[in-house]
Amino acid sequence: MSGPGGISDLDKNRALVEWLEWQLQKARNRVRELEVQQEQERRRREQAHAAMRWKIQPQRSSSAALVHRGDCALYPVEGGFLDRQEALIALAGPDIEPCQICNPQIGLVDG
């Protein structure tokens, strides 16, 4: 049966379904975009938090132990981080040196 303008109810409903599917696809795409943004923000927060912590690389037979910034890639470990005060104490030790790449003492002096 045709409605006003000569378009059948079936054609109207097919057009509506097509439009709703298009809207649903747009909404799903937006959800994926927001999930990616949320994950990127979570990673940024974790990196910023790691940058405000420190870690100690144990002494090797031929070298001193090293203090690294929490985000230093030269010694990538999870967990076991030091706070500012602990890092200052560690650097004051006789057999512990700062990493020459990440310069952890900069964050300690400025903090």
N, C-alpha and C. Protein backbone atom coordinates (compact mmCIF):
# COMPACT_ATOMS: atom_id res chain seq x y z
N MET A 1 0.84 -1.16 0.00
CA MET A 1 0.00 0.00 0.00
C MET A 1 0.89 1.23 0.00
N SER A 2 0.56 2.21 -0.78
CA SER A 2 1.33 3.45 -0.90
C SER A 2 0.82 4.47 0.07
N GLY A 3 1.76 5.23 0.62
CA GLY A 3 1.42 6.33 1.51
C GLY A 3 1.46 7.61 0.71
N PRO A 4 1.49 8.74 1.38
CA PRO A 4 1.57 10.02 0.70
C PRO A 4 2.86 10.09 -0.12
N GLY A 5 2.77 10.62 -1.31
CA GLY A 5 3.93 10.76 -2.17
C GLY A 5 4.22 9.52 -2.98
N GLY A 6 3.39 8.52 -2.92
CA GLY A 6 3.55 7.32 -3.73
C GLY A 6 4.61 6.35 -3.24
N ILE A 7 5.11 6.47 -1.98
CA ILE A 7 6.11 5.55 -1.45
C ILE A 7 5.39 4.54 -0.57
N SER A 8 5.65 3.27 -0.80
CA SER A 8 4.96 2.23 -0.03
C SER A 8 5.50 2.18 1.39
N ASP A 9 4.68 1.64 2.29
CA ASP A 9 5.11 1.46 3.69
C ASP A 9 6.34 0.56 3.76
N LEU A 10 6.40 -0.45 2.92
CA LEU A 10 7.56 -1.35 2.89
C LEU A 10 8.82 -0.58 2.51
N ASP A 11 8.73 0.26 1.47
CA ASP A 11 9.90 1.05 1.05
C ASP A 11 10.32 2.05 2.14
N LYS A 12 9.34 2.65 2.80
CA LYS A 12 9.65 3.57 3.89
C LYS A 12 10.40 2.85 5.00
N ASN A 13 9.92 1.68 5.36
CA ASN A 13 10.56 0.93 6.44
C ASN A 13 11.93 0.41 6.04
N ARG A 14 12.10 0.02 4.79
CA ARG A 14 13.43 -0.37 4.31
C ARG A 14 14.39 0.82 4.40
N ALA A 15 13.93 1.97 4.00
CA ALA A 15 14.76 3.18 4.07
C ALA A 15 15.09 3.50 5.53
N LEU A 16 14.10 3.34 6.42
CA LEU A 16 14.35 3.58 7.84
C LEU A 16 15.38 2.61 8.39
N VAL A 17 15.26 1.33 8.05
CA VAL A 17 16.23 0.32 8.51
C VAL A 17 17.63 0.66 7.99
N GLU A 18 17.73 1.05 6.73
CA GLU A 18 19.02 1.42 6.15
C GLU A 18 19.63 2.62 6.90
N TRP A 19 18.80 3.61 7.18
CA TRP A 19 19.28 4.79 7.91
C TRP A 19 19.71 4.43 9.33
N LEU A 20 18.91 3.59 10.01
CA LEU A 20 19.25 3.17 11.36
C LEU A 20 20.54 2.36 11.39
N GLU A 21 20.75 1.51 10.39
CA GLU A 21 22.00 0.75 10.31
C GLU A 21 23.18 1.69 10.10
N TRP A 22 23.00 2.72 9.29
CA TRP A 22 24.04 3.72 9.06
C TRP A 22 24.36 4.45 10.38
N GLN A 23 23.30 4.83 11.10
CA GLN A 23 23.49 5.50 12.39
C GLN A 23 24.21 4.59 13.39
N LEU A 24 23.82 3.31 13.40
CA LEU A 24 24.45 2.36 14.31
C LEU A 24 25.93 2.20 13.98
N GLN A 25 26.26 2.14 12.70
CA GLN A 25 27.66 2.03 12.30
C GLN A 25 28.45 3.26 12.74
N LYS A 26 27.85 4.44 12.58
CA LYS A 26 28.51 5.67 13.03
C LYS A 26 28.73 5.63 14.54
N ALA A 27 27.75 5.17 15.28
CA ALA A 27 27.86 5.10 16.73
C ALA A 27 28.94 4.10 17.14
N ARG A 28 28.99 2.95 16.47
CA ARG A 28 30.02 1.95 16.76
C ARG A 28 31.42 2.49 16.46
N ASN A 29 31.55 3.19 15.34
CA ASN A 29 32.84 3.80 15.00
C ASN A 29 33.26 4.81 16.06
N ARG A 30 32.31 5.60 16.53
CA ARG A 30 32.60 6.61 17.56
C ARG A 30 33.03 5.94 18.86
N VAL A 31 32.37 4.85 19.22
CA VAL A 31 32.74 4.11 20.42
C VAL A 31 34.18 3.60 20.29
N ARG A 32 34.55 3.06 19.12
CA ARG A 32 35.92 2.59 18.91
C ARG A 32 36.91 3.74 19.03
N GLU A 33 36.60 4.89 18.46
CA GLU A 33 37.47 6.06 18.56
C GLU A 33 37.67 6.46 20.03
N LEU A 34 36.56 6.49 20.77
CA LEU A 34 36.64 6.87 22.18
C LEU A 34 37.42 5.85 23.00
N GLU A 35 37.30 4.57 22.68
CA GLU A 35 38.06 3.54 23.37
C GLU A 35 39.56 3.72 23.11
N VAL A 36 39.92 4.02 21.88
CA VAL A 36 41.32 4.27 21.54
C VAL A 36 41.84 5.48 22.30
N GLN A 37 41.06 6.56 22.32
CA GLN A 37 41.46 7.76 23.05
C GLN A 37 41.63 7.47 24.54
N GLN A 38 40.72 6.70 25.09
CA GLN A 38 40.78 6.37 26.51
C GLN A 38 42.04 5.55 26.81
N GLU A 39 42.37 4.60 25.95
CA GLU A 39 43.57 3.78 26.14
C GLU A 39 44.83 4.64 26.02
N GLN A 40 44.85 5.56 25.06
CA GLN A 40 46.00 6.45 24.90
C GLN A 40 46.16 7.34 26.14
N GLU A 41 45.07 7.83 26.67
CA GLU A 41 45.12 8.67 27.86
C GLU A 41 45.61 7.86 29.07
N ARG A 42 45.16 6.62 29.18
CA ARG A 42 45.61 5.75 30.28
C ARG A 42 47.13 5.55 30.18
N ARG A 43 47.62 5.31 28.97
CA ARG A 43 49.07 5.12 28.78
C ARG A 43 49.84 6.40 29.12
N ARG A 44 49.30 7.54 28.71
CA ARG A 44 49.96 8.83 29.03
C ARG A 44 50.04 9.02 30.55
N ARG A 45 48.95 8.70 31.24
CA ARG A 45 48.96 8.84 32.71
C ARG A 45 49.99 7.90 33.34
N GLU A 46 50.07 6.66 32.84
CA GLU A 46 51.04 5.70 33.38
C GLU A 46 52.46 6.18 33.13
N GLN A 47 52.73 6.70 31.94
CA GLN A 47 54.06 7.20 31.62
C GLN A 47 54.42 8.39 32.50
N ALA A 48 53.47 9.29 32.68
CA ALA A 48 53.72 10.45 33.53
C ALA A 48 53.98 10.01 34.97
N HIS A 49 53.24 9.03 35.43
CA HIS A 49 53.43 8.52 36.79
C HIS A 49 54.79 7.85 36.91
N ALA A 50 55.17 7.06 35.90
CA ALA A 50 56.48 6.39 35.92
C ALA A 50 57.61 7.39 35.92
N ALA A 51 57.43 8.51 35.22
CA ALA A 51 58.48 9.53 35.15
C ALA A 51 58.73 10.18 36.51
N MET A 52 57.77 10.07 37.41
CA MET A 52 57.91 10.66 38.74
C MET A 52 58.36 9.62 39.78
N ARG A 53 58.81 8.48 39.30
CA ARG A 53 59.32 7.43 40.19
C ARG A 53 60.71 7.04 39.71
N TRP A 54 61.38 6.24 40.50
CA TRP A 54 62.75 5.83 40.18
C TRP A 54 62.87 4.34 40.42
N LYS A 55 63.93 3.75 39.85
CA LYS A 55 64.19 2.32 40.03
C LYS A 55 65.70 2.09 40.08
N ILE A 56 66.09 1.01 40.71
CA ILE A 56 67.51 0.69 40.84
C ILE A 56 67.82 -0.56 40.03
N GLN A 57 68.83 -0.43 39.19
CA GLN A 57 69.36 -1.57 38.45
C GLN A 57 70.46 -2.16 39.31
N PRO A 58 70.36 -3.43 39.70
CA PRO A 58 71.35 -4.01 40.60
C PRO A 58 72.78 -3.94 40.05
N GLN A 59 73.71 -3.94 40.96
CA GLN A 59 75.13 -3.89 40.60
C GLN A 59 75.52 -5.15 39.84
N ARG A 60 76.31 -4.94 38.82
CA ARG A 60 76.90 -6.06 38.09
C ARG A 60 78.34 -6.18 38.53
N SER A 61 78.97 -7.28 38.20
CA SER A 61 80.34 -7.49 38.66
C SER A 61 81.30 -6.40 38.20
N SER A 62 81.07 -5.83 37.03
CA SER A 62 82.00 -4.84 36.49
C SER A 62 81.52 -3.40 36.61
N SER A 63 80.34 -3.18 37.15
CA SER A 63 79.83 -1.81 37.22
C SER A 63 79.01 -1.59 38.48
N ALA A 64 78.80 -0.33 38.80
CA ALA A 64 78.02 0.04 39.98
C ALA A 64 76.53 -0.15 39.70
N ALA A 65 75.76 -0.20 40.76
CA ALA A 65 74.30 -0.20 40.61
C ALA A 65 73.90 1.17 40.06
N LEU A 66 72.80 1.21 39.33
CA LEU A 66 72.36 2.45 38.71
C LEU A 66 70.96 2.82 39.15
N VAL A 67 70.75 4.11 39.38
CA VAL A 67 69.41 4.63 39.63
C VAL A 67 68.89 5.18 38.29
N HIS A 68 67.69 4.76 37.92
CA HIS A 68 67.05 5.20 36.68
C HIS A 68 65.74 5.91 37.02
N ARG A 69 65.30 6.76 36.11
CA ARG A 69 63.93 7.29 36.20
C ARG A 69 62.99 6.11 35.94
N GLY A 70 61.80 6.19 36.44
CA GLY A 70 60.85 5.09 36.29
C GLY A 70 60.51 4.78 34.85
N ASP A 71 60.66 5.76 33.95
CA ASP A 71 60.31 5.53 32.55
C ASP A 71 61.54 5.30 31.66
N CYS A 72 62.70 5.08 32.26
CA CYS A 72 63.92 4.85 31.48
C CYS A 72 63.85 3.49 30.79
N ALA A 73 64.07 3.49 29.49
CA ALA A 73 63.98 2.26 28.69
C ALA A 73 65.23 1.39 28.82
N LEU A 74 66.31 1.93 29.38
CA LEU A 74 67.53 1.12 29.52
C LEU A 74 67.37 0.02 30.55
N TYR A 75 66.48 0.22 31.48
CA TYR A 75 66.22 -0.80 32.51
C TYR A 75 64.71 -0.93 32.68
N PRO A 76 64.07 -1.62 31.73
CA PRO A 76 62.61 -1.72 31.75
C PRO A 76 62.12 -2.82 32.69
N VAL A 77 61.73 -2.44 33.88
CA VAL A 77 61.15 -3.38 34.83
C VAL A 77 59.80 -2.85 35.29
N GLU A 78 58.94 -3.75 35.65
CA GLU A 78 57.64 -3.37 36.19
C GLU A 78 57.69 -3.56 37.70
N GLY A 79 57.22 -2.56 38.40
CA GLY A 79 57.15 -2.66 39.85
C GLY A 79 58.50 -2.39 40.51
N GLY A 80 58.50 -2.37 41.82
CA GLY A 80 59.72 -2.13 42.56
C GLY A 80 60.23 -0.71 42.47
N PHE A 81 59.33 0.24 42.29
CA PHE A 81 59.74 1.63 42.14
C PHE A 81 60.05 2.27 43.49
N LEU A 82 60.91 3.29 43.41
CA LEU A 82 61.27 4.07 44.59
C LEU A 82 60.55 5.41 44.55
N ASP A 83 60.27 5.94 45.70
CA ASP A 83 59.75 7.31 45.74
C ASP A 83 60.95 8.27 45.76
N ARG A 84 60.69 9.54 45.79
CA ARG A 84 61.73 10.56 45.71
C ARG A 84 62.75 10.42 46.84
N GLN A 85 62.27 10.28 48.06
CA GLN A 85 63.16 10.18 49.22
C GLN A 85 64.04 8.94 49.13
N GLU A 86 63.48 7.82 48.74
CA GLU A 86 64.26 6.58 48.61
C GLU A 86 65.32 6.71 47.52
N ALA A 87 64.98 7.37 46.43
CA ALA A 87 65.95 7.56 45.35
C ALA A 87 67.09 8.48 45.80
N LEU A 88 66.77 9.51 46.55
CA LEU A 88 67.82 10.40 47.07
C LEU A 88 68.77 9.63 47.99
N ILE A 89 68.22 8.79 48.83
CA ILE A 89 69.04 7.97 49.74
C ILE A 89 69.92 7.02 48.93
N ALA A 90 69.34 6.40 47.92
CA ALA A 90 70.10 5.46 47.09
C ALA A 90 71.26 6.16 46.39
N LEU A 91 71.01 7.33 45.83
CA LEU A 91 72.07 8.06 45.13
C LEU A 91 73.18 8.52 46.07
N ALA A 92 72.88 8.66 47.33
CA ALA A 92 73.90 9.06 48.29
C ALA A 92 74.80 7.90 48.67
N GLY A 93 74.39 6.68 48.29
CA GLY A 93 75.19 5.49 48.60
C GLY A 93 76.48 5.45 47.80
N PRO A 94 77.50 4.78 48.33
CA PRO A 94 78.81 4.77 47.67
C PRO A 94 78.88 3.95 46.38
N ASP A 95 78.08 2.92 46.24
CA ASP A 95 78.17 2.04 45.08
C ASP A 95 77.01 2.19 44.12
N ILE A 96 76.33 3.34 44.17
CA ILE A 96 75.18 3.57 43.30
C ILE A 96 75.40 4.87 42.54
N GLU A 97 75.20 4.79 41.23
CA GLU A 97 75.39 5.96 40.37
C GLU A 97 74.11 6.26 39.60
N PRO A 98 73.94 7.50 39.13
CA PRO A 98 72.78 7.81 38.29
C PRO A 98 73.01 7.32 36.86
N CYS A 99 71.95 6.92 36.22
CA CYS A 99 72.02 6.54 34.80
C CYS A 99 72.43 7.78 34.00
N GLN A 100 73.38 7.62 33.10
CA GLN A 100 73.87 8.75 32.31
C GLN A 100 72.92 9.10 31.16
N ILE A 101 71.96 8.24 30.88
CA ILE A 101 71.00 8.49 29.80
C ILE A 101 69.77 9.24 30.30
N CYS A 102 69.12 8.73 31.35
CA CYS A 102 67.87 9.36 31.81
C CYS A 102 68.09 10.44 32.87
N ASN A 103 69.30 10.55 33.41
CA ASN A 103 69.64 11.58 34.40
C ASN A 103 68.60 11.69 35.52
N PRO A 104 68.45 10.67 36.34
CA PRO A 104 67.40 10.69 37.36
C PRO A 104 67.57 11.78 38.41
N GLN A 105 68.77 12.25 38.60
CA GLN A 105 69.00 13.27 39.61
C GLN A 105 68.32 14.59 39.25
N ILE A 106 68.07 14.85 37.98
CA ILE A 106 67.38 16.09 37.58
C ILE A 106 65.99 16.14 38.23
N GLY A 107 65.23 15.08 38.13
CA GLY A 107 63.91 15.04 38.74
C GLY A 107 63.94 15.08 40.24
N LEU A 108 65.03 14.61 40.81
CA LEU A 108 65.16 14.60 42.27
C LEU A 108 65.49 15.98 42.80
N VAL A 109 66.38 16.67 42.15
CA VAL A 109 66.79 18.01 42.58
C VAL A 109 65.66 19.00 42.39
N ASP A 110 64.93 18.86 41.25
CA ASP A 110 63.84 19.80 40.95
C ASP A 110 62.62 19.55 41.81
N GLY A 111 62.44 18.31 42.30
CA GLY A 111 61.23 17.96 43.04
C GLY A 111 61.22 18.61 44.32
